[in-house]
PDB file of all heavy atoms in Angstrom:
ATOM      1  N   ASP A   1      -3.780  68.401  54.173  1.00  0.00           N
ATOM      2  CA  ASP A   1      -3.593  69.807  53.802  1.00  0.00           C
ATOM      3  C   ASP A   1      -4.928  70.328  53.293  1.00  0.00           C
ATOM      4  O   ASP A   1      -5.275  70.178  52.120  1.00  0.00           O
ATOM      5  CB  ASP A   1      -2.512  69.920  52.718  1.00  0.00           C
ATOM      6  CG  ASP A   1      -2.304  71.363  52.263  1.00  0.00           C
ATOM      7  OD1 ASP A   1      -2.672  72.280  53.030  1.00  0.00           O
ATOM      8  OD2 ASP A   1      -1.789  71.562  51.142  1.00  0.00           O
ATOM      9  N   PHE A   2      -5.690  70.929  54.188  1.00  0.00           N
ATOM     10  CA  PHE A   2      -7.015  71.384  53.774  1.00  0.00           C
ATOM     11  C   PHE A   2      -7.228  72.871  53.956  1.00  0.00           C
ATOM     12  O   PHE A   2      -8.292  73.393  53.632  1.00  0.00           O
ATOM     13  CB  PHE A   2      -8.116  70.624  54.523  1.00  0.00           C
ATOM     14  CG  PHE A   2      -8.099  70.809  56.011  1.00  0.00           C
ATOM     15  CD1 PHE A   2      -8.771  71.862  56.600  1.00  0.00           C
ATOM     16  CD2 PHE A   2      -7.429  69.915  56.820  1.00  0.00           C
ATOM     17  CE1 PHE A   2      -8.770  72.025  57.972  1.00  0.00           C
ATOM     18  CE2 PHE A   2      -7.421  70.074  58.188  1.00  0.00           C
ATOM     19  CZ  PHE A   2      -8.086  71.116  58.769  1.00  0.00           C
ATOM     20  N   HIS A   3      -6.242  73.599  54.480  1.00  0.00           N
ATOM     21  CA  HIS A   3      -6.425  75.045  54.548  1.00  0.00           C
ATOM     22  C   HIS A   3      -5.075  75.713  54.733  1.00  0.00           C
ATOM     23  O   HIS A   3      -4.066  75.074  55.010  1.00  0.00           O
ATOM     24  CB  HIS A   3      -7.371  75.436  55.685  1.00  0.00           C
ATOM     25  CG  HIS A   3      -6.739  75.351  57.045  1.00  0.00           C
ATOM     26  ND1 HIS A   3      -6.639  74.183  57.729  1.00  0.00           N
ATOM     27  CD2 HIS A   3      -6.169  76.307  57.826  1.00  0.00           C
ATOM     28  CE1 HIS A   3      -6.041  74.396  58.891  1.00  0.00           C
ATOM     29  NE2 HIS A   3      -5.742  75.676  58.972  1.00  0.00           N
ATOM     30  N   SER A   4      -5.083  77.020  54.576  1.00  0.00           N
ATOM     31  CA  SER A   4      -3.879  77.827  54.744  1.00  0.00           C
ATOM     32  C   SER A   4      -4.152  78.892  55.799  1.00  0.00           C
ATOM     33  O   SER A   4      -5.200  79.526  55.793  1.00  0.00           O
ATOM     34  CB  SER A   4      -3.481  78.489  53.425  1.00  0.00           C
ATOM     35  OG  SER A   4      -2.472  79.458  53.638  1.00  0.00           O
ATOM     36  N   SER A   5      -3.216  79.047  56.701  1.00  0.00           N
ATOM     37  CA  SER A   5      -3.389  80.061  57.732  1.00  0.00           C
ATOM     38  C   SER A   5      -3.214  81.471  57.185  1.00  0.00           C
ATOM     39  O   SER A   5      -3.628  82.445  57.803  1.00  0.00           O
ATOM     40  CB  SER A   5      -2.387  79.818  58.869  1.00  0.00           C
ATOM     41  OG  SER A   5      -1.058  79.846  58.362  1.00  0.00           O
ATOM     42  N   THR A   6      -2.609  81.602  55.997  1.00  0.00           N
ATOM     43  CA  THR A   6      -2.390  82.928  55.409  1.00  0.00           C
ATOM     44  C   THR A   6      -3.331  83.228  54.256  1.00  0.00           C
ATOM     45  O   THR A   6      -3.389  84.360  53.797  1.00  0.00           O
ATOM     46  CB  THR A   6      -0.931  83.046  54.921  1.00  0.00           C
ATOM     47  OG1 THR A   6      -0.682  82.034  53.927  1.00  0.00           O
ATOM     48  CG2 THR A   6       0.043  82.853  56.077  1.00  0.00           C
ATOM     49  N   ASN A   7      -4.056  82.208  53.777  1.00  0.00           N
ATOM     50  CA  ASN A   7      -4.946  82.386  52.636  1.00  0.00           C
ATOM     51  C   ASN A   7      -6.385  82.521  53.138  1.00  0.00           C
ATOM     52  O   ASN A   7      -6.944  81.575  53.685  1.00  0.00           O
ATOM     53  CB  ASN A   7      -4.833  81.196  51.681  1.00  0.00           C
ATOM     54  CG  ASN A   7      -5.573  81.457  50.377  1.00  0.00           C
ATOM     55  OD1 ASN A   7      -6.449  82.312  50.298  1.00  0.00           O
ATOM     56  ND2 ASN A   7      -5.212  80.704  49.349  1.00  0.00           N
ATOM     57  N   PRO A   8      -7.005  83.678  52.977  1.00  0.00           N
ATOM     58  CA  PRO A   8      -8.379  83.870  53.469  1.00  0.00           C
ATOM     59  C   PRO A   8      -9.378  82.887  52.877  1.00  0.00           C
ATOM     60  O   PRO A   8     -10.401  82.601  53.485  1.00  0.00           O
ATOM     61  CB  PRO A   8      -8.701  85.310  53.061  1.00  0.00           C
ATOM     62  CG  PRO A   8      -7.370  85.975  52.886  1.00  0.00           C
ATOM     63  CD  PRO A   8      -6.462  84.903  52.360  1.00  0.00           C
ATOM     64  N   SER A   9      -9.102  82.386  51.676  1.00  0.00           N
ATOM     65  CA  SER A   9     -10.045  81.465  51.040  1.00  0.00           C
ATOM     66  C   SER A   9     -10.003  80.087  51.663  1.00  0.00           C
ATOM     67  O   SER A   9     -10.886  79.263  51.424  1.00  0.00           O
ATOM     68  CB  SER A   9      -9.749  81.369  49.545  1.00  0.00           C
ATOM     69  OG  SER A   9      -8.458  80.795  49.336  1.00  0.00           O
ATOM     70  N   GLY A  10      -8.971  79.805  52.473  1.00  0.00           N
ATOM     71  CA  GLY A  10      -8.875  78.521  53.145  1.00  0.00           C
ATOM     72  C   GLY A  10      -8.457  77.383  52.236  1.00  0.00           C
ATOM     73  O   GLY A  10      -8.712  76.220  52.536  1.00  0.00           O
ATOM     74  N   LEU A  11      -7.788  77.662  51.123  1.00  0.00           N
ATOM     75  CA  LEU A  11      -7.362  76.615  50.207  1.00  0.00           C
ATOM     76  C   LEU A  11      -6.058  75.983  50.675  1.00  0.00           C
ATOM     77  O   LEU A  11      -5.341  76.525  51.513  1.00  0.00           O
ATOM     78  CB  LEU A  11      -7.184  77.190  48.802  1.00  0.00           C
ATOM     79  CG  LEU A  11      -8.442  77.805  48.170  1.00  0.00           C
ATOM     80  CD1 LEU A  11      -8.106  78.423  46.822  1.00  0.00           C
ATOM     81  CD2 LEU A  11      -9.543  76.766  48.037  1.00  0.00           C
ATOM     82  N   SER A  12      -5.762  74.792  50.142  1.00  0.00           N
ATOM     83  CA  SER A  12      -4.514  74.110  50.464  1.00  0.00           C
ATOM     84  C   SER A  12      -3.332  74.978  50.077  1.00  0.00           C
ATOM     85  O   SER A  12      -3.360  75.699  49.076  1.00  0.00           O
ATOM     86  CB  SER A  12      -4.448  72.779  49.717  1.00  0.00           C
ATOM     87  OG  SER A  12      -5.543  71.955  50.066  1.00  0.00           O
ATOM     88  N   ASP A  13      -2.270  74.890  50.892  1.00  0.00           N
ATOM     89  CA  ASP A  13      -1.110  75.745  50.633  1.00  0.00           C
ATOM     90  C   ASP A  13       0.184  74.959  50.441  1.00  0.00           C
ATOM     91  O   ASP A  13       1.270  75.526  50.444  1.00  0.00           O
ATOM     92  CB  ASP A  13      -0.933  76.749  51.772  1.00  0.00           C
ATOM     93  CG  ASP A  13      -0.696  76.056  53.113  1.00  0.00           C
ATOM     94  OD1 ASP A  13      -0.751  74.807  53.162  1.00  0.00           O
ATOM     95  OD2 ASP A  13      -0.461  76.763  54.104  1.00  0.00           O
ATOM     96  N   GLY A  14       0.096  73.638  50.297  1.00  0.00           N
ATOM     97  CA  GLY A  14       1.288  72.854  49.989  1.00  0.00           C
ATOM     98  C   GLY A  14       2.065  72.370  51.200  1.00  0.00           C
ATOM     99  O   GLY A  14       3.184  71.861  51.048  1.00  0.00           O
ATOM    100  N   ASP A  15       1.510  72.502  52.404  1.00  0.00           N
ATOM    101  CA  ASP A  15       2.181  71.948  53.582  1.00  0.00           C
ATOM    102  C   ASP A  15       1.138  71.421  54.567  1.00  0.00           C
ATOM    103  O   ASP A  15      -0.066  71.617  54.385  1.00  0.00           O
ATOM    104  CB  ASP A  15       3.076  72.992  54.257  1.00  0.00           C
ATOM    105  CG  ASP A  15       2.288  74.179  54.820  1.00  0.00           C
ATOM    106  OD1 ASP A  15       1.299  73.950  55.552  1.00  0.00           O
ATOM    107  OD2 ASP A  15       2.644  75.338  54.527  1.00  0.00           O
ATOM    108  N   VAL A  16       1.620  70.722  55.571  1.00  0.00           N
ATOM    109  CA  VAL A  16       0.732  70.166  56.597  1.00  0.00           C
ATOM    110  C   VAL A  16       1.134  70.718  57.971  1.00  0.00           C
ATOM    111  O   VAL A  16       1.160  70.010  58.968  1.00  0.00           O
ATOM    112  CB  VAL A  16       0.783  68.626  56.600  1.00  0.00           C
ATOM    113  CG1 VAL A  16       0.112  68.079  55.357  1.00  0.00           C
ATOM    114  CG2 VAL A  16       2.221  68.122  56.700  1.00  0.00           C
ATOM    115  N   LEU A  17       1.441  72.017  57.972  1.00  0.00           N
ATOM    116  CA  LEU A  17       1.946  72.663  59.178  1.00  0.00           C
ATOM    117  C   LEU A  17       0.920  73.545  59.868  1.00  0.00           C
ATOM    118  O   LEU A  17       1.171  74.041  60.963  1.00  0.00           O
ATOM    119  CB  LEU A  17       3.185  73.506  58.839  1.00  0.00           C
ATOM    120  CG  LEU A  17       4.363  72.744  58.218  1.00  0.00           C
ATOM    121  CD1 LEU A  17       5.466  73.711  57.810  1.00  0.00           C
ATOM    122  CD2 LEU A  17       4.885  71.699  59.179  1.00  0.00           C
ATOM    123  N   ASP A  18      -0.226  73.743  59.244  1.00  0.00           N
ATOM    124  CA  ASP A  18      -1.233  74.613  59.834  1.00  0.00           C
ATOM    125  C   ASP A  18      -2.031  73.867  60.907  1.00  0.00           C
ATOM    126  O   ASP A  18      -1.895  72.653  61.089  1.00  0.00           O
ATOM    127  CB  ASP A  18      -2.162  75.149  58.742  1.00  0.00           C
ATOM    128  CG  ASP A  18      -1.386  75.911  57.679  1.00  0.00           C
ATOM    129  OD1 ASP A  18      -0.638  76.827  58.043  1.00  0.00           O
ATOM    130  OD2 ASP A  18      -1.512  75.562  56.486  1.00  0.00           O
ATOM    131  N   ALA A  19      -2.862  74.603  61.592  1.00  0.00           N
ATOM    132  CA  ALA A  19      -3.628  74.023  62.704  1.00  0.00           C
ATOM    133  C   ALA A  19      -4.500  72.862  62.227  1.00  0.00           C
ATOM    134  O   ALA A  19      -5.155  72.941  61.186  1.00  0.00           O
ATOM    135  CB  ALA A  19      -4.493  75.107  63.352  1.00  0.00           C
ATOM    136  N   ASN A  20      -4.502  71.772  63.004  1.00  0.00           N
ATOM    137  CA  ASN A  20      -5.337  70.593  62.747  1.00  0.00           C
ATOM    138  C   ASN A  20      -5.032  69.912  61.415  1.00  0.00           C
ATOM    139  O   ASN A  20      -5.920  69.282  60.830  1.00  0.00           O
ATOM    140  CB  ASN A  20      -6.817  70.964  62.823  1.00  0.00           C
ATOM    141  CG  ASN A  20      -7.227  71.439  64.191  1.00  0.00           C
ATOM    142  OD1 ASN A  20      -6.874  70.840  65.204  1.00  0.00           O
ATOM    143  ND2 ASN A  20      -7.962  72.537  64.238  1.00  0.00           N
ATOM    144  N   GLU A  21      -3.805  70.033  60.944  1.00  0.00           N
ATOM    145  CA  GLU A  21      -3.412  69.321  59.723  1.00  0.00           C
ATOM    146  C   GLU A  21      -2.517  68.117  60.034  1.00  0.00           C
ATOM    147  O   GLU A  21      -2.386  67.232  59.189  1.00  0.00           O
ATOM    148  CB  GLU A  21      -2.682  70.268  58.767  1.00  0.00           C
ATOM    149  CG  GLU A  21      -3.591  71.292  58.132  1.00  0.00           C
ATOM    150  CD  GLU A  21      -2.918  72.091  57.034  1.00  0.00           C
ATOM    151  OE1 GLU A  21      -1.664  72.143  57.003  1.00  0.00           O
ATOM    152  OE2 GLU A  21      -3.637  72.656  56.182  1.00  0.00           O
ATOM    153  N   ASP A  22      -1.934  68.069  61.208  1.00  0.00           N
ATOM    154  CA  ASP A  22      -1.111  66.938  61.640  1.00  0.00           C
ATOM    155  C   ASP A  22      -1.676  66.470  62.981  1.00  0.00           C
ATOM    156  O   ASP A  22      -1.484  67.112  64.015  1.00  0.00           O
ATOM    157  CB  ASP A  22       0.353  67.383  61.783  1.00  0.00           C
ATOM    158  CG  ASP A  22       1.292  66.214  62.025  1.00  0.00           C
ATOM    159  OD1 ASP A  22       0.792  65.108  62.341  1.00  0.00           O
ATOM    160  OD2 ASP A  22       2.520  66.400  61.938  1.00  0.00           O
ATOM    161  N   ILE A  23      -2.403  65.342  62.961  1.00  0.00           N
ATOM    162  CA  ILE A  23      -3.208  64.922  64.109  1.00  0.00           C
ATOM    163  C   ILE A  23      -2.813  63.517  64.548  1.00  0.00           C
ATOM    164  O   ILE A  23      -2.548  62.643  63.710  1.00  0.00           O
ATOM    165  CB  ILE A  23      -4.707  64.964  63.768  1.00  0.00           C
ATOM    166  CG1 ILE A  23      -5.108  66.381  63.318  1.00  0.00           C
ATOM    167  CG2 ILE A  23      -5.558  64.525  64.953  1.00  0.00           C
ATOM    168  CD1 ILE A  23      -6.515  66.456  62.761  1.00  0.00           C
ATOM    169  N   GLU A  24      -2.818  63.316  65.837  1.00  0.00           N
ATOM    170  CA  GLU A  24      -2.511  61.994  66.402  1.00  0.00           C
ATOM    171  C   GLU A  24      -3.571  61.620  67.430  1.00  0.00           C
ATOM    172  O   GLU A  24      -3.941  62.423  68.284  1.00  0.00           O
ATOM    173  CB  GLU A  24      -1.133  62.015  67.062  1.00  0.00           C
ATOM    174  CG  GLU A  24      -0.759  60.706  67.763  1.00  0.00           C
ATOM    175  CD  GLU A  24       0.554  60.826  68.515  1.00  0.00           C
ATOM    176  OE1 GLU A  24       1.616  60.738  67.872  1.00  0.00           O
ATOM    177  OE2 GLU A  24       0.502  61.032  69.760  1.00  0.00           O
ATOM    178  N   TYR A  25      -4.051  60.371  67.344  1.00  0.00           N
ATOM    179  CA  TYR A  25      -4.943  59.804  68.354  1.00  0.00           C
ATOM    180  C   TYR A  25      -4.234  58.638  69.022  1.00  0.00           C
ATOM    181  O   TYR A  25      -3.639  57.795  68.353  1.00  0.00           O
ATOM    182  CB  TYR A  25      -6.249  59.307  67.729  1.00  0.00           C
ATOM    183  CG  TYR A  25      -7.202  60.411  67.348  1.00  0.00           C
ATOM    184  CD1 TYR A  25      -7.397  60.761  66.010  1.00  0.00           C
ATOM    185  CD2 TYR A  25      -7.922  61.102  68.317  1.00  0.00           C
ATOM    186  CE1 TYR A  25      -8.272  61.773  65.655  1.00  0.00           C
ATOM    187  CE2 TYR A  25      -8.796  62.115  67.965  1.00  0.00           C
ATOM    188  CZ  TYR A  25      -8.972  62.439  66.643  1.00  0.00           C
ATOM    189  OH  TYR A  25      -9.833  63.446  66.299  1.00  0.00           O
ATOM    190  N   SER A  26      -4.297  58.595  70.349  1.00  0.00           N
ATOM    191  CA  SER A  26      -3.640  57.520  71.086  1.00  0.00           C
ATOM    192  C   SER A  26      -4.458  57.164  72.315  1.00  0.00           C
ATOM    193  O   SER A  26      -5.337  57.921  72.748  1.00  0.00           O
ATOM    194  CB  SER A  26      -2.225  57.936  71.508  1.00  0.00           C
ATOM    195  OG  SER A  26      -2.272  59.064  72.367  1.00  0.00           O
ATOM    196  N   PHE A  27      -4.140  56.011  72.881  1.00  0.00           N
ATOM    197  CA  PHE A  27      -4.856  55.502  74.046  1.00  0.00           C
ATOM    198  C   PHE A  27      -3.884  55.314  75.203  1.00  0.00           C
ATOM    199  O   PHE A  27      -2.796  54.753  75.034  1.00  0.00           O
ATOM    200  CB  PHE A  27      -5.534  54.172  73.711  1.00  0.00           C
ATOM    201  CG  PHE A  27      -6.195  53.502  74.879  1.00  0.00           C
ATOM    202  CD1 PHE A  27      -7.148  54.169  75.633  1.00  0.00           C
ATOM    203  CD2 PHE A  27      -5.870  52.204  75.220  1.00  0.00           C
ATOM    204  CE1 PHE A  27      -7.759  53.551  76.707  1.00  0.00           C
ATOM    205  CE2 PHE A  27      -6.479  51.585  76.292  1.00  0.00           C
ATOM    206  CZ  PHE A  27      -7.429  52.257  77.044  1.00  0.00           C
ATOM    207  N   THR A  28      -4.288  55.817  76.383  1.00  0.00           N
ATOM    208  CA  THR A  28      -3.476  55.672  77.593  1.00  0.00           C
ATOM    209  C   THR A  28      -4.209  54.735  78.549  1.00  0.00           C
ATOM    210  O   THR A  28      -5.157  55.147  79.218  1.00  0.00           O
ATOM    211  CB  THR A  28      -3.251  57.036  78.272  1.00  0.00           C
ATOM    212  OG1 THR A  28      -2.753  57.966  77.321  1.00  0.00           O
ATOM    213  CG2 THR A  28      -2.256  56.911  79.410  1.00  0.00           C
ATOM    214  N   PRO A  29      -3.792  53.461  78.647  1.00  0.00           N
ATOM    215  CA  PRO A  29      -4.505  52.514  79.527  1.00  0.00           C
ATOM    216  C   PRO A  29      -4.459  52.904  80.996  1.00  0.00           C
ATOM    217  O   PRO A  29      -5.365  52.557  81.757  1.00  0.00           O
ATOM    218  CB  PRO A  29      -3.757  51.193  79.290  1.00  0.00           C
ATOM    219  CG  PRO A  29      -3.063  51.367  77.975  1.00  0.00           C
ATOM    220  CD  PRO A  29      -2.714  52.817  77.883  1.00  0.00           C
ATOM    221  N   ALA A  30      -3.407  53.612  81.436  1.00  0.00           N
ATOM    222  CA  ALA A  30      -3.253  53.940  82.848  1.00  0.00           C
ATOM    223  C   ALA A  30      -4.436  54.731  83.388  1.00  0.00           C
ATOM    224  O   ALA A  30      -4.847  54.537  84.541  1.00  0.00           O
ATOM    225  CB  ALA A  30      -1.957  54.719  83.068  1.00  0.00           C
ATOM    226  N   ASP A  31      -5.011  55.614  82.582  1.00  0.00           N
ATOM    227  CA  ASP A  31      -6.156  56.399  83.043  1.00  0.00           C
ATOM    228  C   ASP A  31      -7.382  56.233  82.138  1.00  0.00           C
ATOM    229  O   ASP A  31      -8.306  57.042  82.176  1.00  0.00           O
ATOM    230  CB  ASP A  31      -5.794  57.882  83.158  1.00  0.00           C
ATOM    231  CG  ASP A  31      -5.296  58.471  81.851  1.00  0.00           C
ATOM    232  OD1 ASP A  31      -5.278  57.750  80.837  1.00  0.00           O
ATOM    233  OD2 ASP A  31      -4.909  59.648  81.843  1.00  0.00           O
TER     234      ASP A  31
END
């Protein structure tokens, strides 16, 4: 939680729902 989509100051807003706050990295061997 590093920014708020509604707060111009970009402060944490108590959730992890904004852009780039919930991230997944994975590997696909097929390609």
